[in-house]
Amino acid sequence: MYWYKSKTNNSKYSIMKTLIKGITLILTSLILVSCFSGNEKRNIPIGKQQLAKNARINKQPTSLKQFKNSQDNKLVMKYFKDTSGAKVSRMPLPASWKVNPNYKDTLKIKAPNGITVSQKESLNFGYSEDKKNLQVLRDEGLIIEPVRSLKGIIQFITPKYNKIGYSFVKSYPVPTYEKILQSESNKIVIPGGKIIVSAVAIEFKGINNKKMLSVLVQSKTRIQGIDIWSLDLSKLIAPTEIFENAKSTYLYALDHIQINPEVIQKTNQEIKAGMQETARY
């Protein structure tokens, strides 16, 4: 992780630049942008009780029969990488769902019968009422935008999907996935701030007999009067007749994602080192 070195005597903005640089990268890594190149050879049993719990949480029709009728009901742990190639997480997916070994590609997963999962690079935003702070945000390459609610973000992105043939169907919370990401973010020590994570699932009906599930994750924090936030959007697209099956499989995987503890440890070490380095200037 690169840390900004100030050559001025303005320690306030030197520290601010360090925090912004570090937190922006932290928020991006938390929402797990990229995927891996292999899997763990271990089947994961899917019990009726767990499926029923998963269905209640996501308020979606999930059944044991639905999973057994999938292309391959043997789940294996698939690893995910960040843009540097380091493993950051793993989650259970059908063995037949192939993860793209090129973790820098936006196409992450290809599955039988035309199922795909894609994910673009996260967007990083910042905002402050202070003009000097705004300049710091611009210097660090952030998009200048006040924090939006998830409802506001959905309203903003829906017209963009309309233009490519997708119409909004419904949105609903994904509390288990959100809780996991929030729990992991709580382990990151940010001087004077705390990361808040929110997540929502959005369904769209498309052309050519296809439907889409978008999972939107927002991570945000506020330090010294500056709002820093990131957005990540993954998209699962599947033919209408198997969409419910594919959707349930993907949401189940997200609800059982496991974060590599080394990622949190490394992040905290880099924050501490960055602050110490900045203090010398």
Protein backbone atom coordinates (compact mmCIF):
# COMPACT_ATOMS: atom_id res chain seq x y z
CA MET A 1 0.00 0.00 0.00
CA TYR A 2 1.37 3.39 -0.97
CA TRP A 3 1.36 6.15 1.61
CA TYR A 4 1.53 9.83 0.73
CA LYS A 5 4.62 11.68 1.99
CA SER A 6 4.08 15.37 2.54
CA LYS A 7 6.95 17.80 2.01
CA THR A 8 5.08 20.65 3.67
CA ASN A 9 4.76 21.63 7.31
CA ASN A 10 0.98 21.34 7.21
CA SER A 11 0.70 18.20 9.32
CA LYS A 12 -3.09 18.32 9.37
CA TYR A 13 -3.43 17.84 5.63
CA SER A 14 -0.47 15.48 5.48
CA ILE A 15 -2.26 13.19 7.93
CA MET A 16 -5.53 13.73 6.08
CA LYS A 17 -3.99 12.59 2.81
CA THR A 18 -2.60 9.51 4.53
CA LEU A 19 -5.97 8.61 6.01
CA ILE A 20 -7.80 9.17 2.73
CA LYS A 21 -5.33 7.10 0.76
CA GLY A 22 -5.39 4.28 3.28
CA ILE A 23 -9.14 4.25 3.91
CA THR A 24 -9.96 4.35 0.20
CA LEU A 25 -7.90 1.21 -0.35
CA ILE A 26 -9.39 -0.38 2.77
CA LEU A 27 -12.97 0.18 1.60
CA THR A 28 -12.12 -1.19 -1.81
CA SER A 29 -10.53 -4.33 -0.39
CA LEU A 30 -13.41 -4.93 2.00
CA ILE A 31 -15.89 -5.43 -0.80
CA LEU A 32 -13.67 -8.00 -2.43
CA VAL A 33 -13.32 -6.94 -6.01
CA SER A 34 -11.69 -9.87 -7.76
CA CYS A 35 -11.70 -13.64 -7.99
CA PHE A 36 -9.34 -16.56 -7.91
CA SER A 37 -8.00 -19.50 -9.77
CA GLY A 38 -8.94 -22.76 -8.07
CA ASN A 39 -10.95 -24.41 -5.34
CA GLU A 40 -10.68 -26.44 -2.20
CA LYS A 41 -11.58 -30.09 -2.74
CA ARG A 42 -14.10 -30.34 0.03
CA ASN A 43 -17.83 -30.89 -0.37
CA ILE A 44 -20.11 -28.82 1.86
CA PRO A 45 -23.35 -30.47 3.03
CA ILE A 46 -26.52 -28.43 2.55
CA GLY A 47 -29.09 -29.26 5.20
CA LYS A 48 -32.80 -28.45 5.19
CA GLN A 49 -32.47 -26.36 8.36
CA GLN A 50 -29.73 -24.17 6.87
CA LEU A 51 -31.63 -23.71 3.62
CA ALA A 52 -34.77 -22.74 5.51
CA LYS A 53 -32.77 -20.23 7.55
CA ASN A 54 -31.22 -18.82 4.40
CA ALA A 55 -34.66 -18.49 2.81
CA ARG A 56 -36.03 -16.62 5.81
CA ILE A 57 -33.10 -14.25 5.92
CA ASN A 58 -33.23 -13.35 2.23
CA LYS A 59 -37.02 -13.72 1.95
CA GLN A 60 -36.53 -15.83 -1.14
CA PRO A 61 -37.99 -19.26 -2.06
CA THR A 62 -35.04 -21.58 -1.33
CA SER A 63 -35.56 -25.34 -1.06
CA LEU A 64 -33.45 -28.48 -0.90
CA LYS A 65 -35.06 -29.63 -4.16
CA GLN A 66 -34.02 -26.36 -5.80
CA PHE A 67 -30.37 -27.02 -4.98
CA LYS A 68 -30.51 -30.70 -5.91
CA ASN A 69 -31.86 -29.74 -9.32
CA SER A 70 -28.91 -27.43 -9.94
CA GLN A 71 -26.19 -28.26 -12.46
CA ASP A 72 -23.96 -29.62 -9.68
CA ASN A 73 -25.14 -29.60 -6.06
CA LYS A 74 -21.68 -30.37 -4.65
CA LEU A 75 -20.42 -27.12 -3.21
CA VAL A 76 -16.71 -26.39 -2.92
CA MET A 77 -14.86 -23.44 -1.47
CA LYS A 78 -13.75 -21.04 -4.19
CA TYR A 79 -11.08 -18.47 -3.39
CA PHE A 80 -11.22 -14.78 -4.24
CA LYS A 81 -8.30 -12.41 -4.81
CA ASP A 82 -7.83 -8.68 -4.76
CA THR A 83 -6.26 -6.80 -7.67
CA SER A 84 -2.76 -7.60 -6.39
CA GLY A 85 -3.45 -11.33 -6.57
CA ALA A 86 -3.60 -11.91 -2.80
CA LYS A 87 -6.31 -14.23 -1.49
CA VAL A 88 -8.84 -12.20 0.49
CA SER A 89 -11.85 -14.51 0.87
CA ARG A 90 -13.54 -17.77 -0.03
CA MET A 91 -17.14 -18.91 -0.35
CA PRO A 92 -19.07 -22.07 -1.28
CA LEU A 93 -20.16 -22.39 -4.91
CA PRO A 94 -21.17 -25.36 -7.09
CA ALA A 95 -18.19 -27.22 -8.51
CA SER A 96 -19.60 -26.58 -11.98
CA TRP A 97 -19.38 -22.81 -11.48
CA LYS A 98 -15.96 -21.96 -12.89
CA VAL A 99 -14.10 -18.96 -11.53
CA ASN A 100 -12.16 -16.91 -14.06
CA PRO A 101 -8.41 -17.37 -13.33
CA ASN A 102 -7.81 -13.84 -14.64
CA TYR A 103 -8.77 -12.00 -11.45
CA LYS A 104 -8.43 -8.61 -13.19
CA ASP A 105 -11.21 -9.44 -15.66
CA THR A 106 -14.72 -8.08 -14.97
CA LEU A 107 -16.20 -11.52 -15.76
CA LYS A 108 -15.72 -13.46 -12.54
CA ILE A 109 -17.73 -16.67 -12.87
CA LYS A 110 -19.12 -18.76 -15.73
CA ALA A 111 -21.62 -21.52 -14.98
CA PRO A 112 -23.62 -24.00 -17.08
CA ASN A 113 -26.70 -22.86 -19.03
CA GLY A 114 -25.48 -19.30 -19.55
CA ILE A 115 -25.12 -18.19 -15.93
CA THR A 116 -22.51 -15.47 -15.42
CA VAL A 117 -21.31 -13.32 -12.54
CA SER A 118 -19.44 -10.10 -13.25
CA GLN A 119 -18.05 -7.29 -11.17
CA LYS A 120 -16.47 -4.01 -12.16
CA GLU A 121 -13.86 -2.07 -10.21
CA SER A 122 -15.22 -0.33 -7.13
CA LEU A 123 -16.06 3.36 -7.24
CA ASN A 124 -14.59 5.61 -4.54
CA PHE A 125 -16.24 8.87 -3.46
CA GLY A 126 -15.54 11.68 -1.07
CA TYR A 127 -17.19 14.86 0.13
CA SER A 128 -16.64 17.72 2.56
CA GLU A 129 -18.07 21.20 3.13
CA ASP A 130 -14.50 22.48 3.52
CA LYS A 131 -12.88 23.62 0.24
CA LYS A 132 -9.38 22.56 1.30
CA ASN A 133 -10.65 19.12 2.18
CA LEU A 134 -12.36 18.89 -1.20
CA GLN A 135 -9.04 19.62 -2.88
CA VAL A 136 -7.38 16.86 -0.87
CA LEU A 137 -10.09 14.46 -2.07
CA ARG A 138 -9.55 15.53 -5.69
CA ASP A 139 -5.80 15.10 -5.30
CA GLU A 140 -6.39 11.51 -4.22
CA GLY A 141 -8.57 10.82 -7.26
CA LEU A 142 -11.91 10.41 -5.50
CA ILE A 143 -15.23 11.25 -7.16
CA ILE A 144 -16.71 14.29 -5.41
CA GLU A 145 -20.19 13.25 -4.30
CA PRO A 146 -22.13 13.46 -0.99
CA VAL A 147 -23.01 10.14 0.61
CA ARG A 148 -26.19 8.68 -0.90
CA SER A 149 -28.61 6.26 0.73
CA LEU A 150 -29.03 2.79 -0.77
CA LYS A 151 -32.50 3.81 -1.92
CA GLY A 152 -31.04 6.86 -3.63
CA ILE A 153 -28.35 4.77 -5.31
CA ILE A 154 -30.96 2.30 -6.62
CA GLN A 155 -32.97 5.20 -8.03
CA PHE A 156 -29.82 6.52 -9.68
CA ILE A 157 -28.67 3.27 -11.32
CA THR A 158 -32.10 1.99 -12.43
CA PRO A 159 -32.37 4.35 -15.47
CA LYS A 160 -28.91 3.18 -16.57
CA TYR A 161 -30.12 -0.42 -16.60
CA ASN A 162 -33.30 0.64 -18.39
CA LYS A 163 -31.17 1.90 -21.27
CA ILE A 164 -29.66 -1.55 -21.80
CA GLY A 165 -33.00 -3.36 -21.65
CA TYR A 166 -33.39 -4.20 -17.94
CA SER A 167 -36.39 -3.10 -15.86
CA PHE A 168 -36.51 -2.94 -12.06
CA VAL A 169 -38.45 -5.75 -10.34
CA LYS A 170 -37.69 -5.46 -6.62
CA SER A 171 -34.99 -4.92 -4.00
CA TYR A 172 -34.48 -6.55 -0.62
CA PRO A 173 -31.88 -6.66 2.18
CA VAL A 174 -29.13 -9.25 2.47
CA PRO A 175 -28.58 -8.99 6.24
CA THR A 176 -26.34 -12.02 6.74
CA TYR A 177 -23.86 -10.93 4.06
CA GLU A 178 -23.98 -7.36 5.35
CA LYS A 179 -23.40 -8.55 8.92
CA ILE A 180 -20.31 -10.53 7.87
CA LEU A 181 -18.77 -7.54 6.08
CA GLN A 182 -19.62 -5.22 8.98
CA SER A 183 -18.08 -7.63 11.49
CA GLU A 184 -14.85 -7.76 9.50
CA SER A 185 -14.73 -3.99 9.06
CA ASN A 186 -15.09 -3.54 12.83
CA LYS A 187 -11.69 -5.23 13.20
CA ILE A 188 -9.99 -2.45 11.23
CA VAL A 189 -8.60 0.36 13.38
CA ILE A 190 -9.15 3.78 11.80
CA PRO A 191 -8.00 6.78 13.87
CA GLY A 192 -11.07 8.88 14.55
CA GLY A 193 -13.46 6.86 12.39
CA LYS A 194 -15.43 3.68 11.85
CA ILE A 195 -16.47 1.88 8.67
CA ILE A 196 -20.20 1.33 8.14
CA VAL A 197 -21.25 -1.31 5.61
CA SER A 198 -24.66 -1.63 3.93
CA ALA A 199 -25.78 -4.16 1.33
CA VAL A 200 -28.87 -4.74 -0.80
CA ALA A 201 -29.96 -7.14 -3.55
CA ILE A 202 -31.76 -5.78 -6.63
CA GLU A 203 -33.57 -7.82 -9.28
CA PHE A 204 -34.09 -6.77 -12.88
CA LYS A 205 -36.00 -8.35 -15.75
CA GLY A 206 -34.13 -8.18 -19.04
CA ILE A 207 -34.45 -8.89 -22.71
CA ASN A 208 -33.75 -12.22 -24.44
CA ASN A 209 -35.48 -14.14 -21.65
CA LYS A 210 -32.89 -13.22 -19.01
CA LYS A 211 -32.99 -11.82 -15.49
CA MET A 212 -30.32 -10.12 -13.40
CA LEU A 213 -29.49 -10.01 -9.70
CA SER A 214 -27.31 -7.10 -8.61
CA VAL A 215 -25.76 -7.09 -5.13
CA LEU A 216 -24.81 -3.58 -4.10
CA VAL A 217 -22.38 -2.97 -1.23
CA GLN A 218 -21.72 0.47 0.20
CA SER A 219 -18.86 1.10 2.66
CA LYS A 220 -18.51 4.51 4.27
CA THR A 221 -16.69 6.37 7.01
CA ARG A 222 -16.37 9.94 8.25
CA ILE A 223 -13.11 11.42 9.57
CA GLN A 224 -12.43 15.01 10.56
CA GLY A 225 -15.41 16.37 8.62
CA ILE A 226 -14.72 14.31 5.48
CA ASP A 227 -17.03 11.61 4.13
CA ILE A 228 -15.30 8.76 2.27
CA TRP A 229 -17.39 6.02 0.72
CA SER A 230 -17.15 3.24 -1.85
CA LEU A 231 -19.62 1.32 -4.00
CA ASP A 232 -19.32 -2.19 -5.37
CA LEU A 233 -21.84 -3.91 -7.64
CA SER A 234 -21.75 -7.56 -8.65
CA LYS A 235 -24.17 -8.84 -11.30
CA LEU A 236 -25.52 -12.35 -11.78
CA ILE A 237 -27.30 -12.91 -15.10
CA ALA A 238 -29.22 -16.10 -15.89
CA PRO A 239 -31.98 -17.35 -18.20
CA THR A 240 -35.42 -16.73 -16.69
CA GLU A 241 -36.27 -20.43 -16.23
CA ILE A 242 -33.24 -21.07 -13.97
CA PHE A 243 -32.85 -17.61 -12.47
CA GLU A 244 -34.37 -18.48 -9.07
CA ASN A 245 -32.01 -21.41 -8.74
CA ALA A 246 -28.93 -19.39 -9.71
CA LYS A 247 -29.95 -16.49 -7.49
CA SER A 248 -30.45 -18.70 -4.43
CA THR A 249 -27.10 -20.39 -5.03
CA TYR A 250 -25.26 -17.05 -5.27
CA LEU A 251 -26.98 -15.53 -2.22
CA TYR A 252 -26.23 -18.70 -0.23
CA ALA A 253 -22.56 -18.32 -1.17
CA LEU A 254 -22.46 -14.67 -0.08
CA ASP A 255 -24.12 -15.57 3.22
CA HIS A 256 -21.28 -18.01 3.89
CA ILE A 257 -18.32 -15.97 2.69
CA GLN A 258 -15.16 -16.20 4.82
CA ILE A 259 -12.64 -13.37 4.97
CA ASN A 260 -8.92 -14.13 5.18
CA PRO A 261 -7.84 -12.83 8.63
CA GLU A 262 -4.42 -11.96 7.20
CA VAL A 263 -6.11 -9.23 5.15
CA ILE A 264 -7.34 -7.48 8.30
CA GLN A 265 -3.99 -7.90 10.07
CA LYS A 266 -2.06 -6.53 7.11
CA THR A 267 -4.45 -3.59 6.74
CA ASN A 268 -4.06 -2.57 10.38
CA GLN A 269 -0.28 -2.89 10.14
CA GLU A 270 -0.20 -0.64 7.07
CA ILE A 271 -2.44 1.97 8.68
CA LYS A 272 -0.16 2.09 11.72
CA ALA A 273 2.98 2.27 9.57
CA GLY A 274 1.49 4.98 7.39
CA MET A 275 0.56 7.13 10.36
CA GLN A 276 4.04 6.72 11.86
CA GLU A 277 5.67 7.67 8.57
CA THR A 278 3.45 10.73 8.14
CA ALA A 279 4.26 11.88 11.69
CA ARG A 280 7.92 12.32 10.66
CA TYR A 281 7.00 15.10 8.17
